[in-house]
Amino acid sequence: MKKKISKINIKDLKFDAQGLIPAIIQDYKTSEVLMLAYMNRESLSRTIKLNKTCFWSRSRKKFWIKGETSGNFQIVKSIWYDCDMDALLIKVRQIGVACHTGNRSCFFRRLK
């Protein structure tokens, strides 16, 4: 069975009551999950325009480009959305590490 790939506009995505949508960041070659962050419409538009991930900081209430202070940029290869249109999967080429702790991925601790 062949996969059907369709495209939508940003306005069609389902953002939460705070205007945010979760974005799972994944290595485009290895499929390793690198991090999870949140975007609003503007940060998603900036991501598309810059071809680098741009997020909305819920704590600082401002935009941030991944790597702007560390140099650990994420170059966007593709952006996907889920069947409910309320979550994003962004495949990137990670430059350096993704986690602020110095680990390649933010998912370096195991619960079970």
N, C-alpha and C. Protein backbone atom coordinates (compact mmCIF):
# COMPACT_ATOMS: atom_id res chain seq x y z
N MET A 1 0.84 -1.18 0.00
CA MET A 1 0.00 0.00 0.00
C MET A 1 0.88 1.24 0.00
N LYS A 2 0.64 2.12 -0.91
CA LYS A 2 1.44 3.33 -1.04
C LYS A 2 0.93 4.40 -0.08
N LYS A 3 1.88 5.11 0.56
CA LYS A 3 1.53 6.19 1.47
C LYS A 3 1.03 7.39 0.68
N LYS A 4 0.00 8.01 1.20
CA LYS A 4 -0.50 9.24 0.60
C LYS A 4 0.09 10.41 1.37
N ILE A 5 0.79 11.27 0.67
CA ILE A 5 1.40 12.44 1.30
C ILE A 5 0.66 13.67 0.82
N SER A 6 0.18 14.44 1.79
CA SER A 6 -0.53 15.67 1.44
C SER A 6 0.08 16.84 2.19
N LYS A 7 -0.15 18.02 1.68
CA LYS A 7 0.36 19.24 2.30
C LYS A 7 -0.82 20.12 2.69
N ILE A 8 -0.61 20.89 3.76
CA ILE A 8 -1.63 21.83 4.23
C ILE A 8 -0.97 23.18 4.48
N ASN A 9 -1.76 24.15 4.83
CA ASN A 9 -1.26 25.46 5.23
C ASN A 9 -1.14 25.50 6.75
N ILE A 10 -0.28 26.37 7.24
CA ILE A 10 -0.11 26.53 8.69
C ILE A 10 -1.45 26.82 9.36
N LYS A 11 -2.29 27.60 8.73
CA LYS A 11 -3.57 27.98 9.33
C LYS A 11 -4.48 26.78 9.57
N ASP A 12 -4.23 25.66 8.89
CA ASP A 12 -5.05 24.47 9.06
C ASP A 12 -4.63 23.61 10.25
N LEU A 13 -3.45 23.85 10.79
CA LEU A 13 -2.98 23.08 11.95
C LEU A 13 -3.78 23.44 13.19
N LYS A 14 -3.84 22.52 14.14
CA LYS A 14 -4.61 22.73 15.37
C LYS A 14 -3.66 23.09 16.51
N PHE A 15 -3.62 24.36 16.83
CA PHE A 15 -2.81 24.87 17.93
C PHE A 15 -3.67 24.82 19.19
N ASP A 16 -3.04 24.66 20.37
CA ASP A 16 -3.81 24.58 21.62
C ASP A 16 -4.33 25.96 22.04
N ALA A 17 -4.95 26.01 23.22
CA ALA A 17 -5.56 27.25 23.71
C ALA A 17 -4.54 28.38 23.88
N GLN A 18 -3.26 28.03 24.09
CA GLN A 18 -2.19 29.03 24.21
C GLN A 18 -1.56 29.36 22.86
N GLY A 19 -2.11 28.77 21.81
CA GLY A 19 -1.59 29.02 20.46
C GLY A 19 -0.34 28.22 20.14
N LEU A 20 -0.13 27.10 20.83
CA LEU A 20 1.09 26.31 20.66
C LEU A 20 0.78 24.93 20.08
N ILE A 21 1.81 24.37 19.45
CA ILE A 21 1.74 23.01 18.93
C ILE A 21 3.07 22.33 19.27
N PRO A 22 3.03 21.08 19.79
CA PRO A 22 4.29 20.39 20.09
C PRO A 22 5.02 19.99 18.81
N ALA A 23 6.34 20.12 18.86
CA ALA A 23 7.19 19.76 17.72
C ALA A 23 8.24 18.75 18.19
N ILE A 24 8.16 17.56 17.66
CA ILE A 24 9.15 16.52 17.93
C ILE A 24 10.25 16.71 16.90
N ILE A 25 11.49 16.80 17.38
CA ILE A 25 12.62 17.01 16.49
C ILE A 25 13.38 15.69 16.36
N GLN A 26 13.61 15.28 15.12
CA GLN A 26 14.19 13.98 14.83
C GLN A 26 15.33 14.12 13.84
N ASP A 27 16.40 13.33 14.05
CA ASP A 27 17.51 13.30 13.11
C ASP A 27 17.01 12.70 11.79
N TYR A 28 17.24 13.41 10.69
CA TYR A 28 16.69 12.98 9.40
C TYR A 28 17.35 11.72 8.86
N LYS A 29 18.57 11.41 9.29
CA LYS A 29 19.25 10.21 8.79
C LYS A 29 18.99 8.99 9.67
N THR A 30 19.10 9.16 11.00
CA THR A 30 19.03 8.02 11.91
C THR A 30 17.65 7.81 12.53
N SER A 31 16.77 8.79 12.41
CA SER A 31 15.44 8.79 13.04
C SER A 31 15.49 8.90 14.56
N GLU A 32 16.67 9.22 15.11
CA GLU A 32 16.78 9.42 16.56
C GLU A 32 15.96 10.64 16.96
N VAL A 33 15.15 10.48 18.02
CA VAL A 33 14.39 11.62 18.54
C VAL A 33 15.36 12.48 19.35
N LEU A 34 15.48 13.74 18.98
CA LEU A 34 16.46 14.63 19.61
C LEU A 34 15.87 15.49 20.72
N MET A 35 14.66 15.98 20.52
CA MET A 35 14.07 16.86 21.52
C MET A 35 12.60 17.09 21.21
N LEU A 36 11.93 17.73 22.15
CA LEU A 36 10.55 18.17 21.98
C LEU A 36 10.49 19.62 22.41
N ALA A 37 9.85 20.44 21.62
CA ALA A 37 9.69 21.85 21.97
C ALA A 37 8.34 22.30 21.42
N TYR A 38 8.01 23.56 21.65
CA TYR A 38 6.71 24.08 21.21
C TYR A 38 6.89 25.22 20.22
N MET A 39 5.95 25.29 19.31
CA MET A 39 5.94 26.35 18.30
C MET A 39 4.58 27.02 18.31
N ASN A 40 4.58 28.29 17.93
CA ASN A 40 3.33 28.95 17.61
C ASN A 40 3.36 29.21 16.11
N ARG A 41 2.34 29.84 15.58
CA ARG A 41 2.30 30.06 14.12
C ARG A 41 3.52 30.84 13.63
N GLU A 42 3.89 31.87 14.38
CA GLU A 42 5.01 32.71 13.95
C GLU A 42 6.34 31.95 13.99
N SER A 43 6.58 31.17 15.04
CA SER A 43 7.85 30.43 15.10
C SER A 43 7.91 29.35 14.01
N LEU A 44 6.76 28.76 13.68
CA LEU A 44 6.73 27.80 12.58
C LEU A 44 7.01 28.51 11.26
N SER A 45 6.43 29.68 11.06
CA SER A 45 6.71 30.47 9.85
C SER A 45 8.19 30.84 9.77
N ARG A 46 8.77 31.23 10.90
CA ARG A 46 10.20 31.57 10.94
C ARG A 46 11.05 30.34 10.63
N THR A 47 10.64 29.18 11.15
CA THR A 47 11.37 27.94 10.87
C THR A 47 11.40 27.66 9.38
N ILE A 48 10.27 27.80 8.75
CA ILE A 48 10.17 27.56 7.31
C ILE A 48 11.02 28.57 6.54
N LYS A 49 10.96 29.83 6.93
CA LYS A 49 11.71 30.88 6.24
C LYS A 49 13.22 30.74 6.42
N LEU A 50 13.66 30.48 7.67
CA LEU A 50 15.09 30.41 7.98
C LEU A 50 15.71 29.06 7.65
N ASN A 51 14.87 28.02 7.56
CA ASN A 51 15.32 26.64 7.39
C ASN A 51 16.13 26.16 8.60
N LYS A 52 15.90 26.80 9.74
CA LYS A 52 16.46 26.40 11.04
C LYS A 52 15.31 26.40 12.03
N THR A 53 15.36 25.50 13.01
CA THR A 53 14.25 25.44 13.96
C THR A 53 14.18 26.69 14.83
N CYS A 54 12.99 27.19 14.96
CA CYS A 54 12.69 28.36 15.80
C CYS A 54 11.50 27.97 16.68
N PHE A 55 11.63 28.18 17.96
CA PHE A 55 10.59 27.75 18.90
C PHE A 55 10.05 28.93 19.69
N TRP A 56 8.96 28.68 20.41
CA TRP A 56 8.41 29.65 21.34
C TRP A 56 8.74 29.15 22.74
N SER A 57 9.44 29.96 23.52
CA SER A 57 9.77 29.61 24.90
C SER A 57 8.57 29.92 25.78
N ARG A 58 7.99 28.89 26.38
CA ARG A 58 6.83 29.08 27.25
C ARG A 58 7.23 29.79 28.54
N SER A 59 8.44 29.58 29.02
CA SER A 59 8.87 30.20 30.28
C SER A 59 9.34 31.64 30.08
N ARG A 60 10.07 31.88 29.00
CA ARG A 60 10.61 33.22 28.74
C ARG A 60 9.68 34.08 27.89
N LYS A 61 8.66 33.46 27.32
CA LYS A 61 7.69 34.16 26.48
C LYS A 61 8.36 34.90 25.32
N LYS A 62 9.25 34.17 24.64
CA LYS A 62 9.91 34.76 23.47
C LYS A 62 10.37 33.68 22.51
N PHE A 63 10.68 34.11 21.28
CA PHE A 63 11.18 33.19 20.26
C PHE A 63 12.63 32.84 20.54
N TRP A 64 13.02 31.63 20.17
CA TRP A 64 14.43 31.26 20.22
C TRP A 64 14.74 30.31 19.07
N ILE A 65 15.86 30.59 18.44
CA ILE A 65 16.36 29.73 17.37
C ILE A 65 17.32 28.75 18.00
N LYS A 66 17.08 27.47 17.78
CA LYS A 66 17.96 26.44 18.33
C LYS A 66 19.36 26.68 17.77
N GLY A 67 20.33 26.87 18.67
CA GLY A 67 21.71 27.07 18.27
C GLY A 67 22.16 28.51 18.26
N GLU A 68 21.24 29.46 18.50
CA GLU A 68 21.62 30.88 18.41
C GLU A 68 22.68 31.26 19.44
N THR A 69 22.72 30.59 20.58
CA THR A 69 23.78 30.88 21.56
C THR A 69 24.83 29.78 21.62
N SER A 70 24.44 28.54 21.34
CA SER A 70 25.37 27.41 21.46
C SER A 70 26.08 27.07 20.16
N GLY A 71 25.51 27.45 19.04
CA GLY A 71 26.06 27.04 17.75
C GLY A 71 25.55 25.67 17.31
N ASN A 72 24.70 25.04 18.12
CA ASN A 72 24.17 23.70 17.81
C ASN A 72 22.85 23.83 17.04
N PHE A 73 22.96 24.30 15.81
CA PHE A 73 21.78 24.55 14.99
C PHE A 73 21.14 23.26 14.50
N GLN A 74 19.88 23.39 14.12
CA GLN A 74 19.14 22.30 13.50
C GLN A 74 18.69 22.79 12.13
N ILE A 75 19.23 22.17 11.09
CA ILE A 75 18.89 22.52 9.72
C ILE A 75 17.69 21.66 9.30
N VAL A 76 16.61 22.30 8.94
CA VAL A 76 15.36 21.60 8.64
C VAL A 76 15.44 20.89 7.29
N LYS A 77 15.10 19.62 7.31
CA LYS A 77 15.04 18.81 6.09
C LYS A 77 13.60 18.62 5.64
N SER A 78 12.68 18.40 6.60
CA SER A 78 11.26 18.26 6.27
C SER A 78 10.43 18.49 7.52
N ILE A 79 9.18 18.87 7.30
CA ILE A 79 8.24 19.09 8.39
C ILE A 79 6.99 18.28 8.10
N TRP A 80 6.60 17.46 9.07
CA TRP A 80 5.44 16.59 8.95
C TRP A 80 4.43 16.94 10.04
N TYR A 81 3.19 16.61 9.83
CA TYR A 81 2.17 16.79 10.86
C TYR A 81 1.41 15.48 11.01
N ASP A 82 0.83 15.27 12.20
CA ASP A 82 0.15 14.01 12.46
C ASP A 82 -1.28 14.01 11.92
N CYS A 83 -1.95 12.87 12.06
CA CYS A 83 -3.29 12.69 11.50
C CYS A 83 -4.32 13.63 12.10
N ASP A 84 -4.13 14.05 13.34
CA ASP A 84 -5.05 15.00 13.98
C ASP A 84 -4.66 16.45 13.71
N MET A 85 -3.53 16.65 13.08
CA MET A 85 -3.00 17.98 12.74
C MET A 85 -2.71 18.82 13.98
N ASP A 86 -2.37 18.14 15.11
CA ASP A 86 -2.08 18.87 16.35
C ASP A 86 -0.69 18.59 16.92
N ALA A 87 0.19 18.04 16.09
CA ALA A 87 1.58 17.80 16.48
C ALA A 87 2.44 17.79 15.23
N LEU A 88 3.69 18.23 15.39
CA LEU A 88 4.63 18.28 14.27
C LEU A 88 5.79 17.31 14.50
N LEU A 89 6.32 16.80 13.42
CA LEU A 89 7.55 16.03 13.41
C LEU A 89 8.47 16.76 12.44
N ILE A 90 9.57 17.27 12.98
CA ILE A 90 10.50 18.03 12.15
C ILE A 90 11.81 17.24 12.05
N LYS A 91 12.15 16.87 10.83
CA LYS A 91 13.38 16.12 10.59
C LYS A 91 14.49 17.11 10.27
N VAL A 92 15.60 16.97 10.98
CA VAL A 92 16.68 17.96 10.88
C VAL A 92 18.04 17.31 10.73
N ARG A 93 18.97 18.11 10.24
CA ARG A 93 20.39 17.77 10.34
C ARG A 93 20.89 18.52 11.57
N GLN A 94 21.22 17.77 12.60
CA GLN A 94 21.66 18.36 13.86
C GLN A 94 23.15 18.71 13.77
N ILE A 95 23.47 19.94 14.08
CA ILE A 95 24.87 20.38 14.15
C ILE A 95 25.21 20.43 15.63
N GLY A 96 26.15 19.60 16.06
CA GLY A 96 26.48 19.52 17.48
C GLY A 96 25.42 18.71 18.21
N VAL A 97 25.20 19.05 19.47
CA VAL A 97 24.24 18.33 20.31
C VAL A 97 22.90 19.05 20.34
N ALA A 98 21.84 18.31 20.65
CA ALA A 98 20.51 18.92 20.72
C ALA A 98 20.16 19.37 22.13
N CYS A 99 20.69 18.70 23.13
CA CYS A 99 20.28 18.97 24.51
C CYS A 99 21.18 20.00 25.19
N HIS A 100 20.58 20.85 26.00
CA HIS A 100 21.34 21.88 26.72
C HIS A 100 22.28 21.27 27.77
N THR A 101 22.10 19.95 28.07
CA THR A 101 22.98 19.28 29.04
C THR A 101 24.28 18.81 28.40
N GLY A 102 24.36 18.92 27.07
CA GLY A 102 25.55 18.45 26.36
C GLY A 102 25.37 17.07 25.74
N ASN A 103 24.20 16.47 25.94
CA ASN A 103 23.90 15.17 25.34
C ASN A 103 23.38 15.37 23.93
N ARG A 104 23.61 14.38 23.09
CA ARG A 104 23.14 14.46 21.70
C ARG A 104 21.63 14.64 21.65
N SER A 105 20.91 13.90 22.47
CA SER A 105 19.46 13.95 22.51
C SER A 105 18.99 14.35 23.92
N CYS A 106 17.85 14.98 24.00
CA CYS A 106 17.26 15.29 25.31
C CYS A 106 16.71 14.01 25.95
N PHE A 107 16.55 12.97 25.16
CA PHE A 107 16.02 11.70 25.66
C PHE A 107 17.16 10.73 25.93
N PHE A 108 17.93 11.01 26.97
CA PHE A 108 19.09 10.18 27.31
C PHE A 108 18.90 9.42 28.62
N ARG A 109 17.74 9.60 29.27
CA ARG A 109 17.45 8.89 30.52
C ARG A 109 16.29 7.94 30.31
N ARG A 110 16.41 6.76 30.87
CA ARG A 110 15.40 5.71 30.67
C ARG A 110 14.59 5.51 31.93
N LEU A 111 13.28 5.43 31.78
CA LEU A 111 12.38 5.18 32.92
C LEU A 111 12.22 3.69 33.17
N LYS A 112 12.10 2.92 32.12
CA LYS A 112 11.90 1.48 32.27
C LYS A 112 12.71 0.73 31.23
